[in-house]
PDB file of all heavy atoms in Angstrom:
ATOM      1  N   ASN A   1      16.934   8.952   0.812  1.00  0.00           N
ATOM      2  CA  ASN A   1      15.814   9.782   1.298  1.00  0.00           C
ATOM      3  C   ASN A   1      14.846  10.001   0.092  1.00  0.00           C
ATOM      4  O   ASN A   1      15.424  10.363  -0.996  1.00  0.00           O
ATOM      5  CB  ASN A   1      16.180  11.073   1.908  1.00  0.00           C
ATOM      6  CG  ASN A   1      16.956  10.937   3.225  1.00  0.00           C
ATOM      7  OD1 ASN A   1      16.843   9.898   3.880  1.00  0.00           O
ATOM      8  ND2 ASN A   1      17.719  11.964   3.639  1.00  0.00           N
ATOM      9  N   VAL A   2      13.600   9.746   0.231  1.00  0.00           N
ATOM     10  CA  VAL A   2      12.654   9.893  -0.878  1.00  0.00           C
ATOM     11  C   VAL A   2      11.714  11.014  -0.454  1.00  0.00           C
ATOM     12  O   VAL A   2      10.977  11.000   0.541  1.00  0.00           O
ATOM     13  CB  VAL A   2      11.870   8.586  -1.103  1.00  0.00           C
ATOM     14  CG1 VAL A   2      10.923   8.794  -2.322  1.00  0.00           C
ATOM     15  CG2 VAL A   2      12.769   7.462  -1.398  1.00  0.00           C
ATOM     16  N   TYR A   3      11.650  12.075  -1.312  1.00  0.00           N
ATOM     17  CA  TYR A   3      10.834  13.245  -1.124  1.00  0.00           C
ATOM     18  C   TYR A   3       9.635  13.140  -2.044  1.00  0.00           C
ATOM     19  O   TYR A   3       9.742  13.203  -3.309  1.00  0.00           O
ATOM     20  CB  TYR A   3      11.661  14.558  -1.420  1.00  0.00           C
ATOM     21  CG  TYR A   3      12.846  14.732  -0.467  1.00  0.00           C
ATOM     22  CD1 TYR A   3      14.010  13.928  -0.658  1.00  0.00           C
ATOM     23  CD2 TYR A   3      12.847  15.611   0.555  1.00  0.00           C
ATOM     24  CE1 TYR A   3      15.145  14.118   0.163  1.00  0.00           C
ATOM     25  CE2 TYR A   3      13.891  15.768   1.441  1.00  0.00           C
ATOM     26  CZ  TYR A   3      15.035  15.037   1.187  1.00  0.00           C
ATOM     27  OH  TYR A   3      16.107  15.174   2.013  1.00  0.00           O
ATOM     28  N   HIS A   4       8.435  13.162  -1.428  1.00  0.00           N
ATOM     29  CA  HIS A   4       7.160  13.026  -2.241  1.00  0.00           C
ATOM     30  C   HIS A   4       6.419  14.380  -2.140  1.00  0.00           C
ATOM     31  O   HIS A   4       6.393  15.085  -1.124  1.00  0.00           O
ATOM     32  CB  HIS A   4       6.301  11.954  -1.616  1.00  0.00           C
ATOM     33  CG  HIS A   4       6.877  10.592  -1.574  1.00  0.00           C
ATOM     34  ND1 HIS A   4       6.846   9.723  -2.695  1.00  0.00           N
ATOM     35  CD2 HIS A   4       7.495   9.913  -0.606  1.00  0.00           C
ATOM     36  CE1 HIS A   4       7.418   8.577  -2.336  1.00  0.00           C
ATOM     37  NE2 HIS A   4       7.818   8.701  -1.080  1.00  0.00           N
ATOM     38  N   PRO A   5       5.708  14.708  -3.183  1.00  0.00           N
ATOM     39  CA  PRO A   5       4.768  15.787  -3.125  1.00  0.00           C
ATOM     40  C   PRO A   5       3.607  15.335  -2.126  1.00  0.00           C
ATOM     41  O   PRO A   5       3.200  14.223  -2.132  1.00  0.00           O
ATOM     42  CB  PRO A   5       4.181  15.943  -4.534  1.00  0.00           C
ATOM     43  CG  PRO A   5       4.649  14.796  -5.297  1.00  0.00           C
ATOM     44  CD  PRO A   5       5.767  14.114  -4.564  1.00  0.00           C
ATOM     45  N   ALA A   6       3.127  16.307  -1.334  1.00  0.00           N
ATOM     46  CA  ALA A   6       2.226  16.014  -0.360  1.00  0.00           C
ATOM     47  C   ALA A   6       1.020  17.026  -0.347  1.00  0.00           C
ATOM     48  O   ALA A   6       1.185  18.181  -0.796  1.00  0.00           O
ATOM     49  CB  ALA A   6       2.820  15.998   1.070  1.00  0.00           C
ATOM     50  N   ASP A   7      -0.149  16.602   0.180  1.00  0.00           N
ATOM     51  CA  ASP A   7      -1.309  17.465   0.141  1.00  0.00           C
ATOM     52  C   ASP A   7      -1.303  18.438   1.386  1.00  0.00           C
ATOM     53  O   ASP A   7      -0.284  18.425   2.083  1.00  0.00           O
ATOM     54  CB  ASP A   7      -2.620  16.631   0.189  1.00  0.00           C
ATOM     55  CG  ASP A   7      -2.619  15.662   1.378  1.00  0.00           C
ATOM     56  OD1 ASP A   7      -2.015  15.905   2.407  1.00  0.00           O
ATOM     57  OD2 ASP A   7      -3.376  14.596   1.213  1.00  0.00           O
ATOM     58  N   ALA A   8      -2.365  19.131   1.575  1.00  0.00           N
ATOM     59  CA  ALA A   8      -2.458  20.130   2.666  1.00  0.00           C
ATOM     60  C   ALA A   8      -2.271  19.482   4.032  1.00  0.00           C
ATOM     61  O   ALA A   8      -1.843  20.178   5.019  1.00  0.00           O
ATOM     62  CB  ALA A   8      -3.738  20.844   2.523  1.00  0.00           C
ATOM     63  N   SER A   9      -2.671  18.227   4.194  1.00  0.00           N
ATOM     64  CA  SER A   9      -2.462  17.531   5.453  1.00  0.00           C
ATOM     65  C   SER A   9      -1.107  17.031   5.687  1.00  0.00           C
ATOM     66  O   SER A   9      -0.807  16.430   6.765  1.00  0.00           O
ATOM     67  CB  SER A   9      -3.498  16.388   5.569  1.00  0.00           C
ATOM     68  OG  SER A   9      -3.170  15.388   4.730  1.00  0.00           O
ATOM     69  N   GLY A  10      -0.232  17.091   4.671  1.00  0.00           N
ATOM     70  CA  GLY A  10       1.113  16.621   4.812  1.00  0.00           C
ATOM     71  C   GLY A  10       1.301  15.139   4.390  1.00  0.00           C
ATOM     72  O   GLY A  10       2.418  14.651   4.520  1.00  0.00           O
ATOM     73  N   GLN A  11       0.230  14.508   3.881  1.00  0.00           N
ATOM     74  CA  GLN A  11       0.313  13.151   3.382  1.00  0.00           C
ATOM     75  C   GLN A  11       0.727  13.055   1.900  1.00  0.00           C
ATOM     76  O   GLN A  11       0.365  13.923   1.142  1.00  0.00           O
ATOM     77  CB  GLN A  11      -1.035  12.460   3.604  1.00  0.00           C
ATOM     78  CG  GLN A  11      -1.387  12.317   5.029  1.00  0.00           C
ATOM     79  CD  GLN A  11      -0.390  11.507   5.879  1.00  0.00           C
ATOM     80  OE1 GLN A  11      -0.065  10.384   5.502  1.00  0.00           O
ATOM     81  NE2 GLN A  11       0.154  12.131   6.895  1.00  0.00           N
ATOM     82  N   PRO A  12       1.564  12.052   1.551  1.00  0.00           N
ATOM     83  CA  PRO A  12       1.969  11.949   0.152  1.00  0.00           C
ATOM     84  C   PRO A  12       0.774  11.688  -0.717  1.00  0.00           C
ATOM     85  O   PRO A  12      -0.177  11.023  -0.387  1.00  0.00           O
ATOM     86  CB  PRO A  12       2.902  10.730   0.226  1.00  0.00           C
ATOM     87  CG  PRO A  12       2.565   9.937   1.434  1.00  0.00           C
ATOM     88  CD  PRO A  12       2.048  10.972   2.437  1.00  0.00           C
ATOM     89  N   ILE A  13       0.862  12.320  -1.907  1.00  0.00           N
ATOM     90  CA  ILE A  13      -0.249  12.095  -2.895  1.00  0.00           C
ATOM     91  C   ILE A  13      -0.240  10.667  -3.374  1.00  0.00           C
ATOM     92  O   ILE A  13       0.724   9.947  -3.380  1.00  0.00           O
ATOM     93  CB  ILE A  13      -0.125  13.127  -4.018  1.00  0.00           C
ATOM     94  CG1 ILE A  13       1.163  12.779  -4.840  1.00  0.00           C
ATOM     95  CG2 ILE A  13      -0.105  14.539  -3.535  1.00  0.00           C
ATOM     96  CD1 ILE A  13       1.279  13.601  -6.156  1.00  0.00           C
ATOM     97  N   ALA A  14      -1.450  10.265  -3.851  1.00  0.00           N
ATOM     98  CA  ALA A  14      -1.584   8.867  -4.321  1.00  0.00           C
ATOM     99  C   ALA A  14      -1.141   8.716  -5.742  1.00  0.00           C
ATOM    100  O   ALA A  14      -0.724   7.597  -6.166  1.00  0.00           O
ATOM    101  CB  ALA A  14      -3.059   8.478  -4.210  1.00  0.00           C
ATOM    102  N   GLU A  15      -1.169   9.755  -6.561  1.00  0.00           N
ATOM    103  CA  GLU A  15      -0.818   9.661  -7.971  1.00  0.00           C
ATOM    104  C   GLU A  15       0.662   9.459  -8.134  1.00  0.00           C
ATOM    105  O   GLU A  15       1.510  10.134  -7.470  1.00  0.00           O
ATOM    106  CB  GLU A  15      -1.263  10.892  -8.724  1.00  0.00           C
ATOM    107  CG  GLU A  15      -2.753  11.173  -8.725  1.00  0.00           C
ATOM    108  CD  GLU A  15      -3.181  11.890  -7.443  1.00  0.00           C
ATOM    109  OE1 GLU A  15      -2.282  12.285  -6.681  1.00  0.00           O
ATOM    110  OE2 GLU A  15      -4.374  12.008  -7.223  1.00  0.00           O
ATOM    111  N   PRO A  16       1.064   8.514  -9.100  1.00  0.00           N
ATOM    112  CA  PRO A  16       2.485   8.413  -9.378  1.00  0.00           C
ATOM    113  C   PRO A  16       3.043   9.623 -10.068  1.00  0.00           C
ATOM    114  O   PRO A  16       2.299  10.337 -10.816  1.00  0.00           O
ATOM    115  CB  PRO A  16       2.556   7.182 -10.188  1.00  0.00           C
ATOM    116  CG  PRO A  16       1.194   7.025 -10.842  1.00  0.00           C
ATOM    117  CD  PRO A  16       0.281   7.593  -9.787  1.00  0.00           C
ATOM    118  N   THR A  17       4.287   9.971  -9.934  1.00  0.00           N
ATOM    119  CA  THR A  17       4.911  11.075 -10.526  1.00  0.00           C
ATOM    120  C   THR A  17       6.229  10.730 -11.200  1.00  0.00           C
ATOM    121  O   THR A  17       6.817   9.706 -10.903  1.00  0.00           O
ATOM    122  CB  THR A  17       5.188  12.213  -9.465  1.00  0.00           C
ATOM    123  OG1 THR A  17       6.295  11.735  -8.599  1.00  0.00           O
ATOM    124  CG2 THR A  17       3.988  12.573  -8.660  1.00  0.00           C
ATOM    125  N   PRO A  18       6.697  11.536 -12.126  1.00  0.00           N
ATOM    126  CA  PRO A  18       8.040  11.397 -12.569  1.00  0.00           C
ATOM    127  C   PRO A  18       9.052  11.465 -11.435  1.00  0.00           C
ATOM    128  O   PRO A  18       8.717  12.201 -10.413  1.00  0.00           O
ATOM    129  CB  PRO A  18       8.302  12.492 -13.604  1.00  0.00           C
ATOM    130  CG  PRO A  18       6.873  12.908 -14.020  1.00  0.00           C
ATOM    131  CD  PRO A  18       5.993  12.702 -12.830  1.00  0.00           C
ATOM    132  N   THR A  19      10.232  10.869 -11.513  1.00  0.00           N
ATOM    133  CA  THR A  19      11.120  10.737 -10.428  1.00  0.00           C
ATOM    134  C   THR A  19      12.469  11.298 -10.797  1.00  0.00           C
ATOM    135  O   THR A  19      12.979  10.920 -11.840  1.00  0.00           O
ATOM    136  CB  THR A  19      11.220   9.265  -9.930  1.00  0.00           C
ATOM    137  OG1 THR A  19       9.896   8.857  -9.523  1.00  0.00           O
ATOM    138  CG2 THR A  19      12.182   9.163  -8.713  1.00  0.00           C
ATOM    139  N   ILE A  20      13.084  12.052  -9.920  1.00  0.00           N
ATOM    140  CA  ILE A  20      14.422  12.622 -10.156  1.00  0.00           C
ATOM    141  C   ILE A  20      15.382  11.954  -9.154  1.00  0.00           C
ATOM    142  O   ILE A  20      15.115  11.979  -7.917  1.00  0.00           O
ATOM    143  CB  ILE A  20      14.461  14.159  -9.907  1.00  0.00           C
ATOM    144  CG1 ILE A  20      13.288  14.794 -10.697  1.00  0.00           C
ATOM    145  CG2 ILE A  20      15.832  14.717 -10.181  1.00  0.00           C
ATOM    146  CD1 ILE A  20      13.441  14.551 -12.231  1.00  0.00           C
ATOM    147  N   VAL A  21      16.499  11.361  -9.591  1.00  0.00           N
ATOM    148  CA  VAL A  21      17.438  10.709  -8.779  1.00  0.00           C
ATOM    149  C   VAL A  21      18.735  11.536  -8.708  1.00  0.00           C
ATOM    150  O   VAL A  21      19.218  12.053  -9.705  1.00  0.00           O
ATOM    151  CB  VAL A  21      17.791   9.318  -9.426  1.00  0.00           C
ATOM    152  CG1 VAL A  21      18.939   8.661  -8.627  1.00  0.00           C
ATOM    153  CG2 VAL A  21      16.571   8.407  -9.397  1.00  0.00           C
ATOM    154  N   ASN A  22      19.273  11.632  -7.454  1.00  0.00           N
ATOM    155  CA  ASN A  22      20.552  12.339  -7.264  1.00  0.00           C
ATOM    156  C   ASN A  22      21.457  11.388  -6.458  1.00  0.00           C
ATOM    157  O   ASN A  22      21.167  11.036  -5.274  1.00  0.00           O
ATOM    158  CB  ASN A  22      20.351  13.572  -6.468  1.00  0.00           C
ATOM    159  CG  ASN A  22      21.630  14.390  -6.258  1.00  0.00           C
ATOM    160  OD1 ASN A  22      22.722  13.830  -6.279  1.00  0.00           O
ATOM    161  ND2 ASN A  22      21.429  15.655  -5.940  1.00  0.00           N
ATOM    162  N   PHE A  23      22.496  10.867  -7.111  1.00  0.00           N
ATOM    163  CA  PHE A  23      23.474   9.941  -6.442  1.00  0.00           C
ATOM    164  C   PHE A  23      24.617  10.814  -5.841  1.00  0.00           C
ATOM    165  O   PHE A  23      25.282  11.484  -6.645  1.00  0.00           O
ATOM    166  CB  PHE A  23      24.021   9.008  -7.438  1.00  0.00           C
ATOM    167  CG  PHE A  23      23.775   7.517  -7.170  1.00  0.00           C
ATOM    168  CD1 PHE A  23      22.411   7.102  -7.298  1.00  0.00           C
ATOM    169  CD2 PHE A  23      24.754   6.652  -6.820  1.00  0.00           C
ATOM    170  CE1 PHE A  23      22.181   5.767  -7.065  1.00  0.00           C
ATOM    171  CE2 PHE A  23      24.432   5.362  -6.558  1.00  0.00           C
ATOM    172  CZ  PHE A  23      23.158   4.872  -6.694  1.00  0.00           C
ATOM    173  N   THR A  24      24.791  10.836  -4.578  1.00  0.00           N
ATOM    174  CA  THR A  24      25.759  11.801  -4.019  1.00  0.00           C
ATOM    175  C   THR A  24      26.753  11.070  -3.008  1.00  0.00           C
ATOM    176  O   THR A  24      26.373  10.226  -2.244  1.00  0.00           O
ATOM    177  CB  THR A  24      25.077  12.844  -3.232  1.00  0.00           C
ATOM    178  OG1 THR A  24      26.067  13.730  -2.570  1.00  0.00           O
ATOM    179  CG2 THR A  24      24.140  12.360  -2.162  1.00  0.00           C
ATOM    180  N   PRO A  25      28.031  11.386  -3.085  1.00  0.00           N
ATOM    181  CA  PRO A  25      29.038  10.901  -2.099  1.00  0.00           C
ATOM    182  C   PRO A  25      29.173  11.863  -0.930  1.00  0.00           C
ATOM    183  O   PRO A  25      29.915  11.570   0.005  1.00  0.00           O
ATOM    184  CB  PRO A  25      30.320  10.841  -2.945  1.00  0.00           C
ATOM    185  CG  PRO A  25      30.223  11.973  -3.804  1.00  0.00           C
ATOM    186  CD  PRO A  25      28.786  12.102  -4.198  1.00  0.00           C
ATOM    187  N   TYR A  26      28.439  12.975  -1.016  1.00  0.00           N
ATOM    188  CA  TYR A  26      28.602  14.030   0.018  1.00  0.00           C
ATOM    189  C   TYR A  26      27.634  13.828   1.131  1.00  0.00           C
ATOM    190  O   TYR A  26      27.440  14.761   1.974  1.00  0.00           O
ATOM    191  CB  TYR A  26      28.419  15.420  -0.682  1.00  0.00           C
ATOM    192  CG  TYR A  26      29.400  15.620  -1.782  1.00  0.00           C
ATOM    193  CD1 TYR A  26      28.924  15.839  -3.098  1.00  0.00           C
ATOM    194  CD2 TYR A  26      30.748  15.557  -1.572  1.00  0.00           C
ATOM    195  CE1 TYR A  26      29.825  16.013  -4.171  1.00  0.00           C
ATOM    196  CE2 TYR A  26      31.628  15.708  -2.642  1.00  0.00           C
ATOM    197  CZ  TYR A  26      31.209  15.912  -3.880  1.00  0.00           C
ATOM    198  OH  TYR A  26      32.018  16.079  -4.912  1.00  0.00           O
ATOM    199  N   THR A  27      26.985  12.693   1.178  1.00  0.00           N
ATOM    200  CA  THR A  27      25.956  12.281   2.170  1.00  0.00           C
ATOM    201  C   THR A  27      24.660  13.008   2.051  1.00  0.00           C
ATOM    202  O   THR A  27      24.662  14.300   2.008  1.00  0.00           O
ATOM    203  CB  THR A  27      26.526  12.422   3.610  1.00  0.00           C
ATOM    204  OG1 THR A  27      26.286  13.685   4.135  1.00  0.00           O
ATOM    205  CG2 THR A  27      27.880  11.963   3.766  1.00  0.00           C
ATOM    206  N   LYS A  28      23.602  12.267   2.011  1.00  0.00           N
ATOM    207  CA  LYS A  28      22.229  12.827   2.029  1.00  0.00           C
ATOM    208  C   LYS A  28      21.905  13.473   3.339  1.00  0.00           C
ATOM    209  O   LYS A  28      21.011  14.334   3.419  1.00  0.00           O
ATOM    210  CB  LYS A  28      21.171  11.783   1.695  1.00  0.00           C
ATOM    211  CG  LYS A  28      21.214  10.603   2.612  1.00  0.00           C
ATOM    212  CD  LYS A  28      20.151   9.600   2.132  1.00  0.00           C
ATOM    213  CE  LYS A  28      20.232   8.267   2.903  1.00  0.00           C
ATOM    214  NZ  LYS A  28      20.373   8.467   4.386  1.00  0.00           N
ATOM    215  N   LEU A  29      22.778  13.242   4.334  1.00  0.00           N
ATOM    216  CA  LEU A  29      22.601  13.961   5.662  1.00  0.00           C
ATOM    217  C   LEU A  29      22.928  15.451   5.384  1.00  0.00           C
ATOM    218  O   LEU A  29      22.230  16.329   5.908  1.00  0.00           O
ATOM    219  CB  LEU A  29      23.593  13.408   6.644  1.00  0.00           C
ATOM    220  CG  LEU A  29      23.545  14.101   8.051  1.00  0.00           C
ATOM    221  CD1 LEU A  29      22.231  13.947   8.710  1.00  0.00           C
ATOM    222  CD2 LEU A  29      24.658  13.507   8.898  1.00  0.00           C
ATOM    223  N   GLY A  30      23.989  15.711   4.623  1.00  0.00           N
ATOM    224  CA  GLY A  30      24.326  17.063   4.276  1.00  0.00           C
ATOM    225  C   GLY A  30      23.239  17.726   3.461  1.00  0.00           C
ATOM    226  O   GLY A  30      22.893  18.873   3.672  1.00  0.00           O
ATOM    227  N   SER A  31      22.689  16.989   2.521  1.00  0.00           N
ATOM    228  CA  SER A  31      21.587  17.511   1.657  1.00  0.00           C
ATOM    229  C   SER A  31      20.411  17.817   2.561  1.00  0.00           C
ATOM    230  O   SER A  31      19.691  18.813   2.381  1.00  0.00           O
ATOM    231  CB  SER A  31      21.201  16.449   0.623  1.00  0.00           C
ATOM    232  OG  SER A  31      22.264  16.238  -0.268  1.00  0.00           O
ATOM    233  N   MET A  32      20.152  16.930   3.521  1.00  0.00           N
ATOM    234  CA  MET A  32      18.995  17.100   4.401  1.00  0.00           C
ATOM    235  C   MET A  32      19.140  18.420   5.236  1.00  0.00           C
ATOM    236  O   MET A  32      18.221  19.200   5.400  1.00  0.00           O
ATOM    237  CB  MET A  32      18.829  15.947   5.325  1.00  0.00           C
ATOM    238  CG  MET A  32      17.636  15.983   6.252  1.00  0.00           C
ATOM    239  SD  MET A  32      18.056  16.746   7.875  1.00  0.00           S
ATOM    240  CE  MET A  32      19.165  15.487   8.579  1.00  0.00           C
ATOM    241  N   ILE A  33      20.358  18.682   5.784  1.00  0.00           N
ATOM    242  CA  ILE A  33      20.555  19.801   6.648  1.00  0.00           C
ATOM    243  C   ILE A  33      20.409  21.062   5.810  1.00  0.00           C
ATOM    244  O   ILE A  33      19.745  22.005   6.209  1.00  0.00           O
ATOM    245  CB  ILE A  33      21.981  19.721   7.214  1.00  0.00           C
ATOM    246  CG1 ILE A  33      22.065  18.576   8.257  1.00  0.00           C
ATOM    247  CG2 ILE A  33      22.395  21.015   7.954  1.00  0.00           C
ATOM    248  CD1 ILE A  33      23.402  18.284   8.722  1.00  0.00           C
ATOM    249  N   ALA A  34      21.032  21.078   4.613  1.00  0.00           N
ATOM    250  CA  ALA A  34      20.917  22.285   3.785  1.00  0.00           C
ATOM    251  C   ALA A  34      19.491  22.473   3.366  1.00  0.00           C
ATOM    252  O   ALA A  34      18.935  23.644   3.391  1.00  0.00           O
ATOM    253  CB  ALA A  34      21.830  22.151   2.550  1.00  0.00           C
ATOM    254  N   ASP A  35      18.829  21.362   2.947  1.00  0.00           N
ATOM    255  CA  ASP A  35      17.407  21.484   2.600  1.00  0.00           C
ATOM    256  C   ASP A  35      16.525  22.010   3.688  1.00  0.00           C
ATOM    257  O   ASP A  35      15.620  22.845   3.522  1.00  0.00           O
ATOM    258  CB  ASP A  35      16.855  20.195   2.059  1.00  0.00           C
ATOM    259  CG  ASP A  35      15.361  20.119   1.955  1.00  0.00           C
ATOM    260  OD1 ASP A  35      14.782  20.877   1.111  1.00  0.00           O
ATOM    261  OD2 ASP A  35      14.717  19.336   2.687  1.00  0.00           O
ATOM    262  N   SER A  36      16.759  21.503   4.915  1.00  0.00           N
ATOM    263  CA  SER A  36      15.960  21.936   6.088  1.00  0.00           C
ATOM    264  C   SER A  36      16.116  23.452   6.365  1.00  0.00           C
ATOM    265  O   SER A  36      15.163  24.093   6.646  1.00  0.00           O
ATOM    266  CB  SER A  36      16.339  21.072   7.317  1.00  0.00           C
ATOM    267  OG  SER A  36      16.096  19.720   7.080  1.00  0.00           O
ATOM    268  N   ALA A  37      17.370  23.870   6.209  1.00  0.00           N
ATOM    269  CA  ALA A  37      17.608  25.279   6.497  1.00  0.00           C
ATOM    270  C   ALA A  37      16.895  26.149   5.481  1.00  0.00           C
ATOM    271  O   ALA A  37      16.250  27.201   5.828  1.00  0.00           O
ATOM    272  CB  ALA A  37      19.097  25.619   6.474  1.00  0.00           C
TER     273      ALA A  37
END
């Protein structure tokens, strides 16, 4: 799952940004649920 900074309309910005990688065996589904909450 790739999370981008977005503008007021919800669209991803055009400018490139530094990138943070998280390798997880606990499933990104779990990360998504916790993040959504």
